[in-house]
C-alpha atoms as a PDB file:
ATOM      1  CA  MET A   1      26.483  56.440 -89.429  1.00  0.00           C
ATOM      2  CA  LYS A   2      23.871  58.671 -88.444  1.00  0.00           C
ATOM      3  CA  GLU A   3      24.368  60.523 -85.037  1.00  0.00           C
ATOM      4  CA  TYR A   4      22.022  59.440 -82.560  1.00  0.00           C
ATOM      5  CA  LEU A   5      21.444  63.184 -81.186  1.00  0.00           C
ATOM      6  CA  PHE A   6      20.951  64.087 -85.444  1.00  0.00           C
ATOM      7  CA  ILE A   7      18.230  62.087 -85.375  1.00  0.00           C
ATOM      8  CA  PHE A   8      16.885  62.855 -82.047  1.00  0.00           C
ATOM      9  CA  GLU A   9      16.525  66.409 -82.813  1.00  0.00           C
ATOM     10  CA  ALA A  10      15.747  65.866 -86.647  1.00  0.00           C
ATOM     11  CA  SER A  11      12.083  66.782 -87.876  1.00  0.00           C
ATOM     12  CA  PRO A  12      11.069  65.277 -91.165  1.00  0.00           C
ATOM     13  CA  CYS A  13       9.444  68.407 -91.913  1.00  0.00           C
ATOM     14  CA  ASP A  14      12.640  70.666 -92.386  1.00  0.00           C
ATOM     15  CA  THR A  15      15.521  67.652 -92.459  1.00  0.00           C
ATOM     16  CA  ASN A  16      16.052  65.140 -95.236  1.00  0.00           C
ATOM     17  CA  LEU A  17      16.049  62.059 -92.964  1.00  0.00           C
ATOM     18  CA  TYR A  18      16.155  59.752 -96.136  1.00  0.00           C
ATOM     19  CA  PRO A  19      19.673  57.998 -97.168  1.00  0.00           C
ATOM     20  CA  ASP A  20      20.803  60.937 -99.368  1.00  0.00           C
ATOM     21  CA  GLY A  21      20.320  63.506 -96.361  1.00  0.00           C
ATOM     22  CA  PRO A  22      22.938  64.493 -93.838  1.00  0.00           C
ATOM     23  CA  LYS A  23      24.097  62.070 -90.992  1.00  0.00           C
ATOM     24  CA  SER A  24      25.360  64.697 -88.577  1.00  0.00           C
ATOM     25  CA  ILE A  25      24.411  67.772 -86.883  1.00  0.00           C
ATOM     26  CA  SER A  26      26.954  69.351 -88.287  1.00  0.00           C
ATOM     27  CA  GLU A  27      26.163  68.366 -91.926  1.00  0.00           C
ATOM     28  CA  ALA A  28      22.879  69.598 -91.576  1.00  0.00           C
ATOM     29  CA  LYS A  29      23.871  72.726 -90.295  1.00  0.00           C
ATOM     30  CA  GLN A  30      25.803  73.443 -93.526  1.00  0.00           C
ATOM     31  CA  LEU A  31      23.270  72.134 -95.674  1.00  0.00           C
ATOM     32  CA  GLY A  32      20.751  74.265 -94.011  1.00  0.00           C
ATOM     33  CA  ARG A  33      17.180  73.745 -93.615  1.00  0.00           C
ATOM     34  CA  GLN A  34      15.912  71.587 -96.353  1.00  0.00           C
ATOM     35  CA  LEU A  35      11.952  71.866 -96.053  1.00  0.00           C
ATOM     36  CA  CYS A  36       9.949  69.013 -97.237  1.00  0.00           C
ATOM     37  CA  PRO A  37       8.606  69.315-100.572  1.00  0.00           C
ATOM     38  CA  TYR A  38       5.307  68.622 -99.372  1.00  0.00           C
ATOM     39  CA  SER A  39       5.390  70.849 -96.378  1.00  0.00           C
ATOM     40  CA  LYS A  40       3.176  73.712 -98.041  1.00  0.00           C
ATOM     41  CA  LYS A  41       0.252  70.925 -98.674  1.00  0.00           C
ATOM     42  CA  CYS A  42       0.856  69.877 -95.174  1.00  0.00           C
ATOM     43  CA  LYS A  43       0.044  72.881 -93.737  1.00  0.00           C
ATOM     44  CA  GLU A  44      -3.124  73.248 -95.372  1.00  0.00           C
ATOM     45  CA  LYS A  45      -4.057  69.753 -95.215  1.00  0.00           C
ATOM     46  CA  LEU A  46      -2.251  67.900 -92.128  1.00  0.00           C
ATOM     47  CA  ASN A  47      -5.143  67.962 -89.265  1.00  0.00           C
ATOM     48  CA  PRO A  48      -5.227  64.870 -86.875  1.00  0.00           C
ATOM     49  CA  LYS A  49      -9.431  65.656 -86.432  1.00  0.00           C
ATOM     50  CA  THR A  50     -10.232  66.254 -89.704  1.00  0.00           C
ATOM     51  CA  GLY A  51      -7.517  65.763 -92.418  1.00  0.00           C
ATOM     52  CA  PHE A  52      -3.817  63.765 -92.871  1.00  0.00           C
ATOM     53  CA  GLN A  53      -1.401  62.459 -90.620  1.00  0.00           C
ATOM     54  CA  CYS A  54       2.297  62.447 -91.441  1.00  0.00           C
ATOM     55  CA  VAL A  55       3.855  58.844 -91.896  1.00  0.00           C
ATOM     56  CA  MET A  56       7.383  60.165 -91.743  1.00  0.00           C
ATOM     57  CA  SER A  57       6.486  62.074 -88.690  1.00  0.00           C
ATOM     58  CA  PHE A  58       5.381  58.931 -86.711  1.00  0.00           C
ATOM     59  CA  GLY A  59       8.648  57.092 -88.246  1.00  0.00           C
ATOM     60  CA  THR A  60      10.943  59.921 -87.084  1.00  0.00           C
ATOM     61  CA  GLN A  61       9.179  59.796 -83.380  1.00  0.00           C
ATOM     62  CA  VAL A  62       9.586  56.088 -83.547  1.00  0.00           C
ATOM     63  CA  ALA A  63      13.001  56.520 -84.337  1.00  0.00           C
ATOM     64  CA  GLN A  64      13.692  58.912 -81.620  1.00  0.00           C
ATOM     65  CA  TYR A  65      11.861  56.594 -79.027  1.00  0.00           C
ATOM     66  CA  CYS A  66      14.079  53.488 -80.019  1.00  0.00           C
ATOM     67  CA  ILE A  67      17.480  55.795 -79.265  1.00  0.00           C
ATOM     68  CA  ASN A  68      15.845  57.381 -75.927  1.00  0.00           C
ATOM     69  CA  ASN A  69      14.657  54.030 -74.806  1.00  0.00           C
ATOM     70  CA  ARG A  70      17.411  51.800 -76.416  1.00  0.00           C
ATOM     71  CA  HIS A  71      14.586  49.590 -77.998  1.00  0.00           C
ATOM     72  CA  PRO A  72      14.768  48.242 -81.230  1.00  0.00           C
ATOM     73  CA  VAL A  73      11.817  49.559 -83.672  1.00  0.00           C
ATOM     74  CA  GLU A  74       9.845  46.659 -83.267  1.00  0.00           C
ATOM     75  CA  VAL A  75       9.393  46.905 -79.535  1.00  0.00           C
ATOM     76  CA  GLU A  76       8.600  50.857 -80.278  1.00  0.00           C
ATOM     77  CA  MET A  77       6.002  49.670 -83.144  1.00  0.00           C
ATOM     78  CA  LYS A  78       4.202  47.387 -80.476  1.00  0.00           C
ATOM     79  CA  ASP A  79       3.628  50.621 -78.311  1.00  0.00           C
ATOM     80  CA  LEU A  80       2.588  52.432 -80.896  1.00  0.00           C
ATOM     81  CA  LYS A  81      -0.090  50.201 -82.446  1.00  0.00           C
ATOM     82  CA  LYS A  82      -1.319  50.036 -78.960  1.00  0.00           C
ATOM     83  CA  GLU A  83      -1.811  53.772 -79.140  1.00  0.00           C
ATOM     84  CA  PHE A  84      -2.756  53.774 -83.082  1.00  0.00           C
ATOM     85  CA  PRO A  85      -6.474  53.345 -82.584  1.00  0.00           C
ATOM     86  CA  SER A  86      -6.919  56.434 -81.112  1.00  0.00           C
ATOM     87  CA  LEU A  87      -5.035  58.308 -83.727  1.00  0.00           C
ATOM     88  CA  ILE A  88      -7.167  59.503 -86.527  1.00  0.00           C
ATOM     89  CA  ALA A  89      -6.583  60.516 -89.993  1.00  0.00           C
ATOM     90  CA  PRO A  90      -9.945  60.932 -91.616  1.00  0.00           C
ATOM     91  CA  LYS A  91      -8.775  61.430 -94.794  1.00  0.00           C
ATOM     92  CA  GLY A  92      -5.168  59.321 -94.759  1.00  0.00           C
ATOM     93  CA  PHE A  93      -1.723  59.008 -94.231  1.00  0.00           C
ATOM     94  CA  VAL A  94       0.934  60.980 -96.366  1.00  0.00           C
ATOM     95  CA  TYR A  95       3.974  58.814 -97.179  1.00  0.00           C
ATOM     96  CA  SER A  96       6.888  59.074 -99.553  1.00  0.00           C
ATOM     97  CA  SER A  97       9.426  56.581 -99.942  1.00  0.00           C
ATOM     98  CA  ASP A  98      11.946  58.929-101.480  1.00  0.00           C
ATOM     99  CA  ARG A  99      10.927  62.634-100.422  1.00  0.00           C
ATOM    100  CA  LYS A 100       9.677  63.691-103.855  1.00  0.00           C
ATOM    101  CA  GLU A 101       6.913  61.597-104.626  1.00  0.00           C
ATOM    102  CA  PHE A 102       3.926  61.418-102.250  1.00  0.00           C
ATOM    103  CA  THR A 103       1.336  59.315-101.945  1.00  0.00           C
ATOM    104  CA  ILE A 104      -1.792  59.269 -99.399  1.00  0.00           C
ATOM    105  CA  ILE A 105      -2.478  55.829 -97.834  1.00  0.00           C
ATOM    106  CA  THR A 106      -5.951  55.315 -96.589  1.00  0.00           C
ATOM    107  CA  ASP A 107      -5.373  51.525 -95.069  1.00  0.00           C
ATOM    108  CA  ARG A 108      -4.181  51.868 -91.328  1.00  0.00           C
ATOM    109  CA  ASN A 109      -2.485  48.693 -91.236  1.00  0.00           C
ATOM    110  CA  GLU A 110      -0.445  49.659 -94.585  1.00  0.00           C
ATOM    111  CA  ALA A 111       0.186  52.958 -92.658  1.00  0.00           C
ATOM    112  CA  LEU A 112       1.846  51.293 -89.526  1.00  0.00           C
ATOM    113  CA  GLU A 113       3.829  48.892 -92.003  1.00  0.00           C
ATOM    114  CA  LYS A 114       5.083  52.521 -93.420  1.00  0.00           C
ATOM    115  CA  ILE A 115       5.581  54.173 -90.298  1.00  0.00           C
ATOM    116  CA  GLU A 116       7.763  51.106 -89.134  1.00  0.00           C
ATOM    117  CA  LYS A 117       9.724  51.032 -92.828  1.00  0.00           C
ATOM    118  CA  PHE A 118      10.474  54.596 -92.235  1.00  0.00           C
ATOM    119  CA  ALA A 119      11.732  54.570 -88.552  1.00  0.00           C
ATOM    120  CA  LYS A 120      14.280  51.790 -89.700  1.00  0.00           C
ATOM    121  CA  MET A 121      15.406  53.855 -92.544  1.00  0.00           C
ATOM    122  CA  VAL A 122      16.200  56.567 -90.103  1.00  0.00           C
ATOM    123  CA  LEU A 123      17.978  54.708 -88.309  1.00  0.00           C
ATOM    124  CA  GLU A 124      19.738  51.937 -90.731  1.00  0.00           C
ATOM    125  CA  SER A 125      22.819  53.399 -90.774  1.00  0.00           C
ATOM    126  CA  THR A 126      23.236  53.202 -86.997  1.00  0.00           C
ATOM    127  CA  ASP A 127      24.415  49.471 -86.537  1.00  0.00           C
ATOM    128  CA  ILE A 128      24.267  49.596 -82.880  1.00  0.00           C
ATOM    129  CA  PHE A 129      20.417  48.704 -83.040  1.00  0.00           C
ATOM    130  CA  GLN A 130      21.267  45.681 -85.396  1.00  0.00           C
ATOM    131  CA  LYS A 131      23.974  44.249 -83.571  1.00  0.00           C
ATOM    132  CA  ASN A 132      23.753  44.375 -80.097  1.00  0.00           C
ATOM    133  CA  PRO A 133      21.552  41.894 -78.282  1.00  0.00           C
ATOM    134  CA  ARG A 134      20.752  44.687 -75.480  1.00  0.00           C
ATOM    135  CA  PHE A 135      18.979  46.730 -77.831  1.00  0.00           C
ATOM    136  CA  GLN A 136      17.299  44.100 -79.919  1.00  0.00           C
ATOM    137  CA  VAL A 137      15.717  41.908 -77.335  1.00  0.00           C
ATOM    138  CA  GLY A 138      12.274  43.335 -75.980  1.00  0.00           C
ATOM    139  CA  ASN A 139      11.854  44.573 -72.660  1.00  0.00           C
ATOM    140  CA  GLU A 140       9.502  41.655 -71.563  1.00  0.00           C
ATOM    141  CA  PHE A 141      10.321  38.722 -69.182  1.00  0.00           C
ATOM    142  CA  GLU A 142       8.932  36.202 -72.262  1.00  0.00           C
ATOM    143  CA  ASP A 143      11.372  38.191 -74.684  1.00  0.00           C
ATOM    144  CA  VAL A 144      14.337  37.471 -72.480  1.00  0.00           C
ATOM    145  CA  LEU A 145      13.752  33.989 -72.385  1.00  0.00           C
ATOM    146  CA  ALA A 146      13.349  33.649 -76.067  1.00  0.00           C
ATOM    147  CA  HIS A 147      16.235  35.326 -76.594  1.00  0.00           C
ATOM    148  CA  ALA A 148      18.092  32.872 -73.725  1.00  0.00           C
ATOM    149  CA  MET A 149      16.405  29.836 -75.625  1.00  0.00           C
ATOM    150  CA  THR A 150      18.652  27.368 -77.156  1.00  0.00           C
ATOM    151  CA  PRO A 151      18.188  23.337 -78.154  1.00  0.00           C
ATOM    152  CA  ASP A 152      19.639  22.514 -74.998  1.00  0.00           C
ATOM    153  CA  GLY A 153      17.914  24.649 -72.640  1.00  0.00           C
ATOM    154  CA  ILE A 154      18.063  28.206 -71.362  1.00  0.00           C
ATOM    155  CA  ASP A 155      21.831  29.921 -71.928  1.00  0.00           C
ATOM    156  CA  LEU A 156      22.562  31.683 -68.874  1.00  0.00           C
ATOM    157  CA  ARG A 157      25.249  33.921 -70.460  1.00  0.00           C
ATOM    158  CA  LYS A 158      22.886  35.334 -72.909  1.00  0.00           C
ATOM    159  CA  ILE A 159      20.740  36.423 -69.992  1.00  0.00           C
ATOM    160  CA  GLN A 160      23.723  37.824 -68.312  1.00  0.00           C
ATOM    161  CA  GLU A 161      24.610  39.897 -71.224  1.00  0.00           C
ATOM    162  CA  LEU A 162      21.153  41.552 -70.639  1.00  0.00           C
ATOM    163  CA  GLU A 163      21.535  42.435 -67.336  1.00  0.00           C
ATOM    164  CA  GLY A 164      21.926  46.037 -66.341  1.00  0.00           C
ATOM    165  CA  ARG A 165      20.352  47.508 -69.418  1.00  0.00           C
ATOM    166  CA  PHE A 166      16.941  48.801 -67.502  1.00  0.00           C
ATOM    167  CA  GLY A 167      19.170  50.232 -64.531  1.00  0.00           C
ATOM    168  CA  THR A 168      19.816  48.534 -61.350  1.00  0.00           C
ATOM    169  CA  ASN A 169      17.823  47.713 -58.262  1.00  0.00           C
ATOM    170  CA  ALA A 170      19.541  46.928 -55.050  1.00  0.00           C
ATOM    171  CA  GLY A 171      23.014  46.861 -56.742  1.00  0.00           C
ATOM    172  CA  ARG A 172      22.039  44.287 -59.284  1.00  0.00           C
ATOM    173  CA  GLY A 173      21.346  44.825 -63.165  1.00  0.00           C
ATOM    174  CA  CYS A 174      17.641  44.927 -64.495  1.00  0.00           C
ATOM    175  CA  ASP A 175      17.337  42.623 -67.649  1.00  0.00           C
ATOM    176  CA  VAL A 176      13.653  43.453 -68.088  1.00  0.00           C
ATOM    177  CA  LYS A 177      10.832  45.809 -67.568  1.00  0.00           C
ATOM    178  CA  ASN A 178       7.816  43.663 -66.699  1.00  0.00           C
ATOM    179  CA  GLY A 179       8.220  40.516 -65.293  1.00  0.00           C
ATOM    180  CA  PRO A 180      10.678  38.762 -62.902  1.00  0.00           C
ATOM    181  CA  CYS A 181      13.890  40.326 -63.520  1.00  0.00           C
ATOM    182  CA  SER A 182      17.842  39.300 -62.935  1.00  0.00           C
ATOM    183  CA  CYS A 183      17.813  41.666 -59.978  1.00  0.00           C
ATOM    184  CA  GLY A 184      15.815  39.696 -57.916  1.00  0.00           C
ATOM    185  CA  ALA A 185      12.374  41.779 -58.265  1.00  0.00           C
ATOM    186  CA  TRP A 186       9.049  41.667 -60.064  1.00  0.00           C
ATOM    187  CA  HIS A 187       8.849  44.503 -62.168  1.00  0.00           C
END
């Protein structure tokens, strides 16, 4: 399983974040710096205003936000998609599925799909995000409701298991960042 701190501090430019790469900081230190094979070309071509952007860089940032905010990839991708129109890549986005062969993606939607795919790959062996509803359920009231809805109505136990994931308010656990919350407040 990959260490969260390793993912949080890693850069795809000098660390192999693919499945065949290291899983911990100590393992990465033993292997030494593993420069991306495309790094020399990136230095020449990567410029957000006039050239290319790196899908792996964005994917790593999404994975890091997932760890930092304790959100699943899908939640962090919603935020990225809101900001994405302001991200510029006039010549396209550099992408590699294996860190050996690189392609240029010119379609924005395809780039978003690849960013999400890479973020999931970086986090794929971190089962905490796949098994725990506290990290799977989004931060909106609607997300909590959808999680708690059953054919028989709302299962309050499912809401209770989410309480406190966003801190506390007056001693009661918060289950959402936006909307009516279990703590009694409207966030």
